[in-house]
Amino acid sequence: MRRAMIIWGGWGGHDPEECAALYRRWLHEDGFSVRMETDLAAFEDSELGSLDLIVPIYTMASISEAQVNGLSEAIKGGTGLAGHHGGMTDAFRESPLYNFITGGQYVAHPGNSISYTVDIVKSDDSIVAGLKSFNYVSEQYYMHVDPAIEVLATTTFSGEHAPWVEGVVMPVAWKKAYGTGRVFHSTLGHSISEFDVPEMATLLRRGVNWAARPEAS
């Protein structure tokens, strides 16, 4: 049985405890044993690299050098990393290494919660196969992103709330490598209620499973 760790905490506005419980249910259903943590000291665990998947839900907060180094070594060694919204990419803002691992960093959401379109751009990928572009109501994340990411879905900024970014096409979901580890991220999911959107939930659940260390054949 593959093993996952969900680590949650930080700012409470993204419903971290509720999201952690939902991820835990998904992962149990998908055949994982799940370890739940709320203390970032878990990233210093010498056994971290034996996990198959780590799911961070930890908006803002601070991470120590030892903690981010522990996470980095685990992912480079093959442990997967996957998560959503600010719980993964508005975390540990002061850590360039953490941003290097995740492939992106939140910088703004002009207009706050608005209606926008999520466009599927790599329909031949198993994570988004069969999904169509869909309307979404939430924060439209403006990101600084790693050019090495493989983009799966995007959104286009209208310029209504920030005219200088009109027409900018921004990644919404991506995957990437970090060492031998797989990393997946979706910027969707400001609140737990958004997991009721079928396209959002399908995209995220598939991405989480993809990121986990592949099962031995």
N, C-alpha and C. Protein backbone atom coordinates (compact mmCIF):
# COMPACT_ATOMS: atom_id res chain seq x y z
N MET A 1 0.85 -1.20 0.00
CA MET A 1 0.00 0.00 0.00
C MET A 1 0.87 1.24 0.00
N ARG A 2 0.56 2.18 -0.90
CA ARG A 2 1.32 3.43 -0.93
C ARG A 2 0.97 4.31 0.27
N ARG A 3 1.94 5.14 0.63
CA ARG A 3 1.80 5.94 1.85
C ARG A 3 1.84 7.43 1.52
N ALA A 4 0.92 8.18 2.10
CA ALA A 4 0.82 9.62 1.88
C ALA A 4 0.85 10.35 3.22
N MET A 5 1.32 11.59 3.16
CA MET A 5 1.24 12.48 4.32
C MET A 5 0.53 13.76 3.90
N ILE A 6 -0.48 14.13 4.65
CA ILE A 6 -1.15 15.43 4.50
C ILE A 6 -0.69 16.29 5.65
N ILE A 7 -0.19 17.48 5.33
CA ILE A 7 0.25 18.40 6.38
C ILE A 7 -0.52 19.70 6.24
N TRP A 8 -1.27 20.09 7.27
CA TRP A 8 -2.15 21.24 7.14
C TRP A 8 -1.96 22.20 8.31
N GLY A 9 -2.26 23.48 8.03
CA GLY A 9 -2.14 24.51 9.05
C GLY A 9 -2.04 25.88 8.40
N GLY A 10 -1.35 26.79 9.08
CA GLY A 10 -1.21 28.15 8.55
C GLY A 10 -2.51 28.92 8.64
N TRP A 11 -2.69 29.89 7.74
CA TRP A 11 -3.87 30.75 7.72
C TRP A 11 -5.14 29.92 7.52
N GLY A 12 -6.15 30.21 8.32
CA GLY A 12 -7.36 29.39 8.29
C GLY A 12 -8.36 29.71 7.22
N GLY A 13 -8.15 30.80 6.45
CA GLY A 13 -9.14 31.23 5.48
C GLY A 13 -9.33 30.32 4.30
N HIS A 14 -8.43 29.37 4.11
CA HIS A 14 -8.56 28.40 3.02
C HIS A 14 -9.09 27.05 3.49
N ASP A 15 -9.71 27.02 4.66
CA ASP A 15 -10.33 25.80 5.19
C ASP A 15 -9.37 24.62 5.23
N PRO A 16 -8.19 24.78 5.81
CA PRO A 16 -7.20 23.70 5.72
C PRO A 16 -7.64 22.40 6.39
N GLU A 17 -8.29 22.48 7.54
CA GLU A 17 -8.69 21.25 8.22
C GLU A 17 -9.74 20.49 7.41
N GLU A 18 -10.70 21.24 6.85
CA GLU A 18 -11.75 20.59 6.05
C GLU A 18 -11.17 19.99 4.77
N CYS A 19 -10.25 20.72 4.14
CA CYS A 19 -9.62 20.19 2.92
C CYS A 19 -8.78 18.96 3.23
N ALA A 20 -8.09 18.98 4.36
CA ALA A 20 -7.28 17.82 4.75
C ALA A 20 -8.15 16.58 4.93
N ALA A 21 -9.32 16.77 5.53
CA ALA A 21 -10.23 15.64 5.73
C ALA A 21 -10.73 15.09 4.40
N LEU A 22 -11.00 15.98 3.44
CA LEU A 22 -11.46 15.53 2.13
C LEU A 22 -10.36 14.78 1.39
N TYR A 23 -9.15 15.33 1.39
CA TYR A 23 -8.02 14.63 0.77
C TYR A 23 -7.81 13.25 1.42
N ARG A 24 -7.94 13.22 2.72
CA ARG A 24 -7.74 11.94 3.42
C ARG A 24 -8.73 10.90 2.93
N ARG A 25 -9.99 11.31 2.75
CA ARG A 25 -11.00 10.37 2.25
C ARG A 25 -10.66 9.91 0.84
N TRP A 26 -10.31 10.88 -0.03
CA TRP A 26 -9.93 10.52 -1.40
C TRP A 26 -8.79 9.51 -1.40
N LEU A 27 -7.76 9.81 -0.64
CA LEU A 27 -6.57 8.96 -0.67
C LEU A 27 -6.85 7.57 -0.11
N HIS A 28 -7.64 7.49 0.95
CA HIS A 28 -8.03 6.18 1.46
C HIS A 28 -8.79 5.40 0.38
N GLU A 29 -9.72 6.07 -0.29
CA GLU A 29 -10.48 5.41 -1.35
C GLU A 29 -9.58 4.96 -2.50
N ASP A 30 -8.49 5.68 -2.71
CA ASP A 30 -7.59 5.38 -3.82
C ASP A 30 -6.43 4.48 -3.41
N GLY A 31 -6.51 3.91 -2.22
CA GLY A 31 -5.57 2.86 -1.84
C GLY A 31 -4.33 3.29 -1.08
N PHE A 32 -4.36 4.47 -0.47
CA PHE A 32 -3.22 4.96 0.31
C PHE A 32 -3.48 4.81 1.80
N SER A 33 -2.43 4.56 2.55
CA SER A 33 -2.48 4.83 3.98
C SER A 33 -2.08 6.29 4.16
N VAL A 34 -2.69 6.97 5.12
CA VAL A 34 -2.53 8.41 5.22
C VAL A 34 -2.09 8.81 6.62
N ARG A 35 -1.03 9.58 6.67
CA ARG A 35 -0.52 10.17 7.91
C ARG A 35 -0.91 11.65 7.92
N MET A 36 -1.49 12.11 9.01
CA MET A 36 -1.92 13.50 9.14
C MET A 36 -0.97 14.24 10.07
N GLU A 37 -0.52 15.43 9.65
CA GLU A 37 0.40 16.23 10.46
C GLU A 37 -0.05 17.69 10.45
N THR A 38 0.25 18.40 11.54
CA THR A 38 0.01 19.85 11.59
C THR A 38 1.27 20.62 11.94
N ASP A 39 2.35 19.95 12.21
CA ASP A 39 3.61 20.58 12.60
C ASP A 39 4.62 20.42 11.47
N LEU A 40 5.19 21.55 11.01
CA LEU A 40 6.15 21.50 9.90
C LEU A 40 7.42 20.75 10.26
N ALA A 41 7.63 20.45 11.52
CA ALA A 41 8.77 19.61 11.91
C ALA A 41 8.72 18.25 11.22
N ALA A 42 7.54 17.86 10.73
CA ALA A 42 7.42 16.59 10.01
C ALA A 42 8.30 16.56 8.77
N PHE A 43 8.63 17.74 8.22
CA PHE A 43 9.50 17.79 7.05
C PHE A 43 10.95 17.44 7.39
N GLU A 44 11.27 17.39 8.66
CA GLU A 44 12.62 17.02 9.08
C GLU A 44 12.72 15.54 9.43
N ASP A 45 11.63 14.81 9.29
CA ASP A 45 11.59 13.38 9.60
C ASP A 45 12.54 12.63 8.66
N SER A 46 13.41 11.83 9.20
CA SER A 46 14.38 11.09 8.39
C SER A 46 13.70 10.09 7.46
N GLU A 47 12.45 9.74 7.75
CA GLU A 47 11.72 8.78 6.93
C GLU A 47 10.87 9.45 5.86
N LEU A 48 10.96 10.79 5.73
CA LEU A 48 10.10 11.52 4.80
C LEU A 48 10.24 10.98 3.38
N GLY A 49 11.44 10.67 2.98
CA GLY A 49 11.68 10.21 1.62
C GLY A 49 11.13 8.84 1.31
N SER A 50 10.64 8.13 2.31
CA SER A 50 10.03 6.82 2.06
C SER A 50 8.55 6.95 1.73
N LEU A 51 7.99 8.16 1.91
CA LEU A 51 6.59 8.38 1.55
C LEU A 51 6.44 8.41 0.04
N ASP A 52 5.25 8.08 -0.42
CA ASP A 52 4.97 8.13 -1.85
C ASP A 52 4.36 9.46 -2.28
N LEU A 53 3.79 10.20 -1.32
CA LEU A 53 3.11 11.45 -1.66
C LEU A 53 3.04 12.35 -0.43
N ILE A 54 3.23 13.65 -0.67
CA ILE A 54 3.01 14.67 0.35
C ILE A 54 2.01 15.67 -0.20
N VAL A 55 0.99 16.00 0.60
CA VAL A 55 -0.01 17.00 0.24
C VAL A 55 0.07 18.14 1.24
N PRO A 56 0.60 19.30 0.86
CA PRO A 56 0.66 20.44 1.78
C PRO A 56 -0.60 21.30 1.67
N ILE A 57 -1.13 21.69 2.81
CA ILE A 57 -2.26 22.63 2.87
C ILE A 57 -1.89 23.64 3.96
N TYR A 58 -1.03 24.59 3.64
CA TYR A 58 -0.37 25.40 4.67
C TYR A 58 -0.17 26.83 4.17
N THR A 59 -1.25 27.57 4.03
CA THR A 59 -1.16 28.93 3.49
C THR A 59 -0.31 29.83 4.37
N MET A 60 0.52 30.63 3.70
CA MET A 60 1.42 31.58 4.35
C MET A 60 2.32 30.84 5.33
N ALA A 61 2.47 31.30 6.56
CA ALA A 61 3.35 30.68 7.55
C ALA A 61 4.81 30.80 7.13
N SER A 62 5.69 30.21 7.89
CA SER A 62 7.13 30.24 7.63
C SER A 62 7.68 28.84 7.76
N ILE A 63 8.71 28.57 6.98
CA ILE A 63 9.35 27.26 7.00
C ILE A 63 10.84 27.46 7.28
N SER A 64 11.42 26.60 8.09
CA SER A 64 12.83 26.72 8.42
C SER A 64 13.68 26.14 7.29
N GLU A 65 14.95 26.47 7.30
CA GLU A 65 15.86 25.93 6.30
C GLU A 65 15.93 24.42 6.38
N ALA A 66 15.97 23.89 7.59
CA ALA A 66 16.03 22.44 7.75
C ALA A 66 14.77 21.77 7.22
N GLN A 67 13.63 22.41 7.44
CA GLN A 67 12.37 21.83 6.99
C GLN A 67 12.26 21.83 5.47
N VAL A 68 12.57 22.94 4.83
CA VAL A 68 12.45 22.98 3.37
C VAL A 68 13.52 22.10 2.71
N ASN A 69 14.68 22.00 3.33
CA ASN A 69 15.71 21.09 2.79
C ASN A 69 15.25 19.64 2.89
N GLY A 70 14.60 19.30 3.99
CA GLY A 70 14.08 17.95 4.14
C GLY A 70 13.03 17.63 3.09
N LEU A 71 12.13 18.60 2.84
CA LEU A 71 11.12 18.41 1.80
C LEU A 71 11.78 18.28 0.43
N SER A 72 12.74 19.15 0.15
CA SER A 72 13.42 19.12 -1.14
C SER A 72 14.08 17.77 -1.40
N GLU A 73 14.78 17.25 -0.43
CA GLU A 73 15.48 15.98 -0.61
C GLU A 73 14.49 14.83 -0.83
N ALA A 74 13.35 14.88 -0.12
CA ALA A 74 12.35 13.82 -0.30
C ALA A 74 11.78 13.84 -1.72
N ILE A 75 11.43 15.04 -2.22
CA ILE A 75 10.85 15.13 -3.55
C ILE A 75 11.90 14.77 -4.61
N LYS A 76 13.11 15.27 -4.46
CA LYS A 76 14.16 14.91 -5.41
C LYS A 76 14.37 13.40 -5.47
N GLY A 77 14.14 12.74 -4.35
CA GLY A 77 14.35 11.29 -4.28
C GLY A 77 13.19 10.46 -4.77
N GLY A 78 12.07 11.11 -5.14
CA GLY A 78 10.97 10.35 -5.72
C GLY A 78 9.62 10.47 -5.04
N THR A 79 9.58 11.10 -3.86
CA THR A 79 8.29 11.34 -3.22
C THR A 79 7.52 12.39 -4.02
N GLY A 80 6.22 12.17 -4.25
CA GLY A 80 5.42 13.12 -5.00
C GLY A 80 4.94 14.27 -4.12
N LEU A 81 4.62 15.39 -4.76
CA LEU A 81 4.06 16.55 -4.07
C LEU A 81 2.88 17.06 -4.88
N ALA A 82 1.74 17.29 -4.22
CA ALA A 82 0.56 17.77 -4.94
C ALA A 82 -0.33 18.54 -3.99
N GLY A 83 -0.99 19.57 -4.54
CA GLY A 83 -1.90 20.35 -3.72
C GLY A 83 -2.59 21.43 -4.53
N HIS A 84 -3.28 22.30 -3.83
CA HIS A 84 -4.12 23.27 -4.51
C HIS A 84 -4.05 24.65 -3.89
N HIS A 85 -4.35 25.64 -4.70
CA HIS A 85 -4.58 27.03 -4.30
C HIS A 85 -3.47 27.51 -3.35
N GLY A 86 -3.82 28.41 -2.46
CA GLY A 86 -2.82 29.01 -1.57
C GLY A 86 -2.24 28.05 -0.56
N GLY A 87 -2.91 26.91 -0.35
CA GLY A 87 -2.36 25.93 0.57
C GLY A 87 -1.05 25.33 0.10
N MET A 88 -0.76 25.49 -1.20
CA MET A 88 0.51 25.00 -1.74
C MET A 88 1.35 26.13 -2.32
N THR A 89 0.74 27.10 -3.02
CA THR A 89 1.55 28.12 -3.68
C THR A 89 1.36 29.53 -3.14
N ASP A 90 0.72 29.67 -1.99
CA ASP A 90 0.84 30.90 -1.21
C ASP A 90 1.35 30.51 0.16
N ALA A 91 2.32 29.64 0.17
CA ALA A 91 2.93 29.13 1.39
C ALA A 91 4.41 29.51 1.42
N PHE A 92 4.91 29.83 2.61
CA PHE A 92 6.35 29.98 2.82
C PHE A 92 6.96 30.96 1.82
N ARG A 93 6.38 32.16 1.77
CA ARG A 93 6.74 33.16 0.75
C ARG A 93 8.22 33.52 0.76
N GLU A 94 8.86 33.35 1.90
CA GLU A 94 10.25 33.78 2.01
C GLU A 94 11.23 32.71 1.52
N SER A 95 10.72 31.58 1.03
CA SER A 95 11.60 30.45 0.69
C SER A 95 11.70 30.25 -0.82
N PRO A 96 12.77 30.74 -1.46
CA PRO A 96 12.95 30.49 -2.89
C PRO A 96 13.02 28.99 -3.22
N LEU A 97 13.61 28.21 -2.32
CA LEU A 97 13.72 26.78 -2.59
C LEU A 97 12.34 26.14 -2.66
N TYR A 98 11.45 26.53 -1.76
CA TYR A 98 10.10 25.98 -1.81
C TYR A 98 9.41 26.35 -3.13
N ASN A 99 9.58 27.59 -3.57
CA ASN A 99 9.00 28.02 -4.84
C ASN A 99 9.59 27.23 -6.01
N PHE A 100 10.86 26.92 -5.94
CA PHE A 100 11.53 26.13 -6.97
C PHE A 100 10.90 24.74 -7.06
N ILE A 101 10.57 24.17 -5.90
CA ILE A 101 9.95 22.84 -5.86
C ILE A 101 8.57 22.87 -6.50
N THR A 102 7.74 23.84 -6.10
CA THR A 102 6.34 23.85 -6.52
C THR A 102 6.13 24.32 -7.96
N GLY A 103 7.02 25.18 -8.45
CA GLY A 103 6.88 25.68 -9.81
C GLY A 103 6.05 26.93 -9.95
N GLY A 104 5.60 27.50 -8.84
CA GLY A 104 4.82 28.73 -8.94
C GLY A 104 4.59 29.38 -7.60
N GLN A 105 4.30 30.68 -7.62
CA GLN A 105 4.04 31.45 -6.41
C GLN A 105 2.92 32.45 -6.69
N TYR A 106 1.89 32.42 -5.86
CA TYR A 106 0.80 33.38 -5.93
C TYR A 106 1.30 34.80 -5.71
N VAL A 107 0.77 35.76 -6.50
CA VAL A 107 1.10 37.17 -6.25
C VAL A 107 -0.12 38.07 -6.16
N ALA A 108 -1.28 37.68 -6.75
CA ALA A 108 -2.46 38.55 -6.70
C ALA A 108 -3.70 37.78 -7.16
N HIS A 109 -4.89 38.30 -6.78
CA HIS A 109 -6.15 37.81 -7.34
C HIS A 109 -7.05 39.03 -7.58
N PRO A 110 -6.81 39.75 -8.68
CA PRO A 110 -7.55 40.98 -8.97
C PRO A 110 -9.06 40.75 -8.96
N GLY A 111 -9.78 41.61 -8.22
CA GLY A 111 -11.22 41.49 -8.14
C GLY A 111 -11.71 40.53 -7.08
N ASN A 112 -10.79 39.83 -6.42
CA ASN A 112 -11.15 38.83 -5.40
C ASN A 112 -11.98 37.71 -6.03
N SER A 113 -13.12 37.36 -5.49
CA SER A 113 -13.91 36.26 -6.04
C SER A 113 -14.72 36.75 -7.23
N ILE A 114 -14.44 36.18 -8.40
CA ILE A 114 -15.09 36.61 -9.64
C ILE A 114 -15.42 35.37 -10.48
N SER A 115 -16.20 35.58 -11.54
CA SER A 115 -16.49 34.52 -12.48
C SER A 115 -15.46 34.54 -13.61
N TYR A 116 -14.90 33.40 -13.93
CA TYR A 116 -13.93 33.32 -15.02
C TYR A 116 -13.97 31.92 -15.64
N THR A 117 -13.25 31.76 -16.72
CA THR A 117 -13.24 30.49 -17.44
C THR A 117 -11.91 29.77 -17.24
N VAL A 118 -11.99 28.48 -16.99
CA VAL A 118 -10.80 27.62 -16.95
C VAL A 118 -10.76 26.84 -18.25
N ASP A 119 -9.67 26.99 -18.99
CA ASP A 119 -9.52 26.34 -20.29
C ASP A 119 -8.57 25.15 -20.19
N ILE A 120 -9.03 24.00 -20.63
CA ILE A 120 -8.19 22.81 -20.69
C ILE A 120 -7.33 22.90 -21.95
N VAL A 121 -6.01 22.82 -21.79
CA VAL A 121 -5.13 23.06 -22.93
C VAL A 121 -4.30 21.85 -23.34
N LYS A 122 -4.36 20.78 -22.59
CA LYS A 122 -3.57 19.59 -22.93
C LYS A 122 -4.48 18.36 -22.79
N SER A 123 -5.47 18.30 -23.66
CA SER A 123 -6.54 17.32 -23.51
C SER A 123 -6.08 15.87 -23.65
N ASP A 124 -4.87 15.65 -24.19
CA ASP A 124 -4.37 14.29 -24.34
C ASP A 124 -3.68 13.77 -23.08
N ASP A 125 -3.58 14.61 -22.05
CA ASP A 125 -2.96 14.20 -20.80
C ASP A 125 -3.99 13.49 -19.92
N SER A 126 -3.59 12.42 -19.26
CA SER A 126 -4.54 11.63 -18.47
C SER A 126 -5.17 12.42 -17.33
N ILE A 127 -4.50 13.45 -16.84
CA ILE A 127 -5.05 14.23 -15.72
C ILE A 127 -6.28 15.01 -16.15
N VAL A 128 -6.31 15.46 -17.40
CA VAL A 128 -7.43 16.28 -17.87
C VAL A 128 -8.24 15.61 -18.98
N ALA A 129 -7.95 14.36 -19.30
CA ALA A 129 -8.64 13.67 -20.38
C ALA A 129 -10.15 13.69 -20.17
N GLY A 130 -10.88 14.09 -21.20
CA GLY A 130 -12.34 14.11 -21.13
C GLY A 130 -12.93 15.36 -20.52
N LEU A 131 -12.11 16.21 -19.92
CA LEU A 131 -12.61 17.44 -19.33
C LEU A 131 -12.71 18.52 -20.40
N LYS A 132 -13.72 19.34 -20.29
CA LYS A 132 -13.91 20.48 -21.17
C LYS A 132 -13.68 21.77 -20.39
N SER A 133 -13.41 22.84 -21.10
CA SER A 133 -13.29 24.14 -20.43
C SER A 133 -14.57 24.42 -19.65
N PHE A 134 -14.43 25.11 -18.50
CA PHE A 134 -15.60 25.31 -17.64
C PHE A 134 -15.55 26.67 -16.96
N ASN A 135 -16.73 27.17 -16.60
CA ASN A 135 -16.84 28.41 -15.85
C ASN A 135 -16.60 28.14 -14.38
N TYR A 136 -16.04 29.12 -13.70
CA TYR A 136 -15.64 28.94 -12.30
C TYR A 136 -15.80 30.26 -11.57
N VAL A 137 -16.21 30.20 -10.32
CA VAL A 137 -16.34 31.40 -9.50
C VAL A 137 -15.43 31.25 -8.28
N SER A 138 -14.42 32.08 -8.22
CA SER A 138 -13.45 32.02 -7.13
C SER A 138 -12.44 33.14 -7.33
N GLU A 139 -11.37 33.10 -6.58
CA GLU A 139 -10.24 33.97 -6.84
C GLU A 139 -9.51 33.48 -8.09
N GLN A 140 -9.24 34.40 -9.00
CA GLN A 140 -8.48 34.08 -10.22
C GLN A 140 -7.02 34.39 -9.93
N TYR A 141 -6.25 33.35 -9.67
CA TYR A 141 -4.88 33.55 -9.20
C TYR A 141 -3.97 34.05 -10.33
N TYR A 142 -3.27 35.13 -10.02
CA TYR A 142 -2.17 35.62 -10.86
C TYR A 142 -0.89 35.08 -10.24
N MET A 143 -0.09 34.37 -11.04
CA MET A 143 1.03 33.62 -10.52
C MET A 143 2.35 34.06 -11.16
N HIS A 144 3.43 33.89 -10.42
CA HIS A 144 4.76 33.86 -11.00
C HIS A 144 5.10 32.38 -11.16
N VAL A 145 5.42 31.96 -12.38
CA VAL A 145 5.56 30.53 -12.64
C VAL A 145 6.90 30.19 -13.28
N ASP A 146 7.31 28.95 -13.03
CA ASP A 146 8.52 28.36 -13.59
C ASP A 146 8.26 28.03 -15.06
N PRO A 147 9.10 28.49 -15.99
CA PRO A 147 8.88 28.16 -17.40
C PRO A 147 9.02 26.68 -17.72
N ALA A 148 9.52 25.90 -16.77
CA ALA A 148 9.68 24.47 -17.00
C ALA A 148 8.42 23.66 -16.71
N ILE A 149 7.37 24.29 -16.18
CA ILE A 149 6.16 23.53 -15.88
C ILE A 149 5.48 23.08 -17.17
N GLU A 150 4.72 21.99 -17.06
CA GLU A 150 3.91 21.49 -18.17
C GLU A 150 2.46 21.88 -17.88
N VAL A 151 1.94 22.84 -18.62
CA VAL A 151 0.65 23.45 -18.31
C VAL A 151 -0.49 22.57 -18.82
N LEU A 152 -1.47 22.33 -17.94
CA LEU A 152 -2.62 21.50 -18.27
C LEU A 152 -3.89 22.31 -18.46
N ALA A 153 -3.99 23.44 -17.77
CA ALA A 153 -5.17 24.30 -17.86
C ALA A 153 -4.74 25.74 -17.62
N THR A 154 -5.47 26.67 -18.22
CA THR A 154 -5.14 28.09 -18.11
C THR A 154 -6.40 28.90 -17.85
N THR A 155 -6.22 30.18 -17.54
CA THR A 155 -7.30 31.16 -17.52
C THR A 155 -6.76 32.45 -18.14
N THR A 156 -7.64 33.23 -18.73
CA THR A 156 -7.25 34.48 -19.38
C THR A 156 -7.85 35.66 -18.61
N PHE A 157 -7.00 36.60 -18.25
CA PHE A 157 -7.45 37.77 -17.48
C PHE A 157 -8.13 38.79 -18.40
N SER A 158 -9.31 39.24 -18.00
CA SER A 158 -10.09 40.17 -18.82
C SER A 158 -9.55 41.59 -18.76
N GLY A 159 -8.86 41.92 -17.69
CA GLY A 159 -8.40 43.29 -17.48
C GLY A 159 -9.40 44.15 -16.75
N GLU A 160 -10.58 43.61 -16.44
CA GLU A 160 -11.60 44.41 -15.76
C GLU A 160 -11.12 44.93 -14.41
N HIS A 161 -10.39 44.12 -13.68
CA HIS A 161 -9.97 44.50 -12.33
C HIS A 161 -8.52 44.95 -12.26
N ALA A 162 -7.77 44.73 -13.32
CA ALA A 162 -6.37 45.17 -13.42
C ALA A 162 -6.07 45.34 -14.90
N PRO A 163 -6.37 46.51 -15.46
CA PRO A 163 -6.30 46.70 -16.91
C PRO A 163 -4.95 46.35 -17.53
N TRP A 164 -3.89 46.48 -16.79
CA TRP A 164 -2.55 46.24 -17.34
C TRP A 164 -2.26 44.76 -17.59
N VAL A 165 -3.13 43.85 -17.12
CA VAL A 165 -2.92 42.42 -17.40
C VAL A 165 -3.99 41.89 -18.35
N GLU A 166 -4.71 42.75 -19.02
CA GLU A 166 -5.73 42.30 -19.97
C GLU A 166 -5.11 41.36 -21.00
N GLY A 167 -5.75 40.22 -21.19
CA GLY A 167 -5.30 39.25 -22.18
C GLY A 167 -4.23 38.29 -21.71
N VAL A 168 -3.73 38.46 -20.51
CA VAL A 168 -2.69 37.56 -20.01
C VAL A 168 -3.28 36.16 -19.79
N VAL A 169 -2.61 35.18 -20.34
CA VAL A 169 -3.00 33.78 -20.17
C VAL A 169 -2.15 33.18 -19.06
N MET A 170 -2.81 32.71 -18.01
CA MET A 170 -2.13 32.28 -16.79
C MET A 170 -2.37 30.79 -16.52
N PRO A 171 -1.34 30.02 -16.20
CA PRO A 171 -1.55 28.63 -15.83
C PRO A 171 -2.46 28.49 -14.61
N VAL A 172 -3.36 27.53 -14.68
CA VAL A 172 -4.25 27.17 -13.58
C VAL A 172 -3.85 25.82 -12.99
N ALA A 173 -3.42 24.91 -13.84
CA ALA A 173 -2.99 23.60 -13.36
C ALA A 173 -1.77 23.17 -14.15
N TRP A 174 -0.83 22.56 -13.44
CA TRP A 174 0.40 22.11 -14.12
C TRP A 174 0.99 20.90 -13.42
N LYS A 175 1.93 20.28 -14.14
CA LYS A 175 2.74 19.23 -13.54
C LYS A 175 4.18 19.50 -13.91
N LYS A 176 5.09 18.93 -13.15
CA LYS A 176 6.51 19.16 -13.40
C LYS A 176 7.32 18.10 -12.68
N ALA A 177 8.58 18.03 -13.02
CA ALA A 177 9.52 17.17 -12.31
C ALA A 177 10.35 18.01 -11.35
N TYR A 178 10.73 17.38 -10.24
CA TYR A 178 11.71 17.97 -9.34
C TYR A 178 12.60 16.83 -8.90
N GLY A 179 13.79 16.75 -9.44
CA GLY A 179 14.61 15.56 -9.25
C GLY A 179 13.89 14.39 -9.90
N THR A 180 13.70 13.30 -9.14
CA THR A 180 12.94 12.16 -9.65
C THR A 180 11.49 12.20 -9.16
N GLY A 181 11.12 13.24 -8.43
CA GLY A 181 9.76 13.36 -7.92
C GLY A 181 8.84 14.07 -8.90
N ARG A 182 7.56 13.77 -8.75
CA ARG A 182 6.52 14.41 -9.56
C ARG A 182 5.81 15.47 -8.72
N VAL A 183 5.51 16.61 -9.33
CA VAL A 183 4.83 17.72 -8.65
C VAL A 183 3.61 18.10 -9.47
N PHE A 184 2.46 18.24 -8.81
CA PHE A 184 1.23 18.70 -9.45
C PHE A 184 0.63 19.82 -8.63
N HIS A 185 0.08 20.83 -9.34
CA HIS A 185 -0.60 21.91 -8.64
C HIS A 185 -1.79 22.43 -9.44
N SER A 186 -2.86 22.78 -8.71
CA SER A 186 -4.00 23.49 -9.27
C SER A 186 -4.24 24.73 -8.42
N THR A 187 -4.45 25.88 -9.06
CA THR A 187 -4.69 27.11 -8.31
C THR A 187 -6.15 27.24 -7.85
N LEU A 188 -7.00 26.32 -8.24
CA LEU A 188 -8.42 26.38 -7.86
C LEU A 188 -8.61 25.89 -6.43
N GLY A 189 -9.69 26.38 -5.79
CA GLY A 189 -10.06 25.82 -4.49
C GLY A 189 -9.87 26.73 -3.30
N HIS A 190 -10.35 27.96 -3.40
CA HIS A 190 -10.21 28.90 -2.28
C HIS A 190 -10.92 28.40 -1.02
N SER A 191 -12.06 27.77 -1.18
CA SER A 191 -12.82 27.27 -0.04
C SER A 191 -13.25 25.83 -0.28
N ILE A 192 -13.61 25.15 0.79
CA ILE A 192 -13.99 23.74 0.69
C ILE A 192 -15.20 23.55 -0.20
N SER A 193 -16.08 24.56 -0.28
CA SER A 193 -17.28 24.42 -1.11
C SER A 193 -16.94 24.24 -2.59
N GLU A 194 -15.77 24.72 -3.02
CA GLU A 194 -15.40 24.62 -4.43
C GLU A 194 -15.09 23.19 -4.86
N PHE A 195 -14.86 22.31 -3.90
CA PHE A 195 -14.64 20.91 -4.23
C PHE A 195 -15.92 20.25 -4.74
N ASP A 196 -17.06 20.95 -4.62
CA ASP A 196 -18.32 20.45 -5.18
C ASP A 196 -18.41 20.65 -6.69
N VAL A 197 -17.49 21.44 -7.26
CA VAL A 197 -17.46 21.64 -8.71
C VAL A 197 -16.81 20.40 -9.33
N PRO A 198 -17.56 19.62 -10.13
CA PRO A 198 -17.02 18.33 -10.59
C PRO A 198 -15.71 18.43 -11.34
N GLU A 199 -15.58 19.44 -12.21
CA GLU A 199 -14.34 19.56 -12.99
C GLU A 199 -13.15 19.86 -12.10
N MET A 200 -13.36 20.74 -11.12
CA MET A 200 -12.28 21.08 -10.20
C MET A 200 -11.83 19.85 -9.42
N ALA A 201 -12.81 19.10 -8.88
CA ALA A 201 -12.48 17.94 -8.07
C ALA A 201 -11.82 16.85 -8.89
N THR A 202 -12.30 16.62 -10.10
CA THR A 202 -11.71 15.60 -10.97
C THR A 202 -10.27 15.94 -11.32
N LEU A 203 -10.05 17.18 -11.71
CA LEU A 203 -8.71 17.64 -12.06
C LEU A 203 -7.75 17.45 -10.89
N LEU A 204 -8.17 17.84 -9.71
CA LEU A 204 -7.30 17.78 -8.54
C LEU A 204 -7.05 16.34 -8.11
N ARG A 205 -8.08 15.55 -8.06
CA ARG A 205 -7.90 14.17 -7.60
C ARG A 205 -7.00 13.38 -8.54
N ARG A 206 -7.20 13.57 -9.83
CA ARG A 206 -6.32 12.90 -10.79
C ARG A 206 -4.88 13.38 -10.65
N GLY A 207 -4.71 14.69 -10.46
CA GLY A 207 -3.36 15.23 -10.33
C GLY A 207 -2.64 14.71 -9.11
N VAL A 208 -3.37 14.60 -8.01
CA VAL A 208 -2.78 14.07 -6.77
C VAL A 208 -2.32 12.63 -6.98
N ASN A 209 -3.14 11.83 -7.63
CA ASN A 209 -2.76 10.45 -7.86
C ASN A 209 -1.59 10.34 -8.85
N TRP A 210 -1.56 11.21 -9.85
CA TRP A 210 -0.44 11.20 -10.78
C TRP A 210 0.88 11.52 -10.08
N ALA A 211 0.84 12.48 -9.16
CA ALA A 211 2.07 12.93 -8.51
C ALA A 211 2.69 11.87 -7.62
N ALA A 212 1.89 10.98 -7.06
CA ALA A 212 2.42 9.98 -6.15
C ALA A 212 3.45 9.10 -6.86
N ARG A 213 4.42 8.65 -6.10
CA ARG A 213 5.45 7.76 -6.64
C ARG A 213 4.77 6.59 -7.35
N PRO A 214 5.13 6.30 -8.59
CA PRO A 214 4.49 5.19 -9.31
C PRO A 214 4.68 3.87 -8.57
N GLU A 215 3.65 3.06 -8.58
CA GLU A 215 3.74 1.74 -7.95
C GLU A 215 4.72 0.88 -8.72
N ALA A 216 5.47 0.07 -7.98
CA ALA A 216 6.44 -0.82 -8.62
C ALA A 216 5.70 -1.85 -9.46
N SER A 217 6.22 -2.11 -10.65
CA SER A 217 5.58 -3.10 -11.54
C SER A 217 6.00 -4.51 -11.16
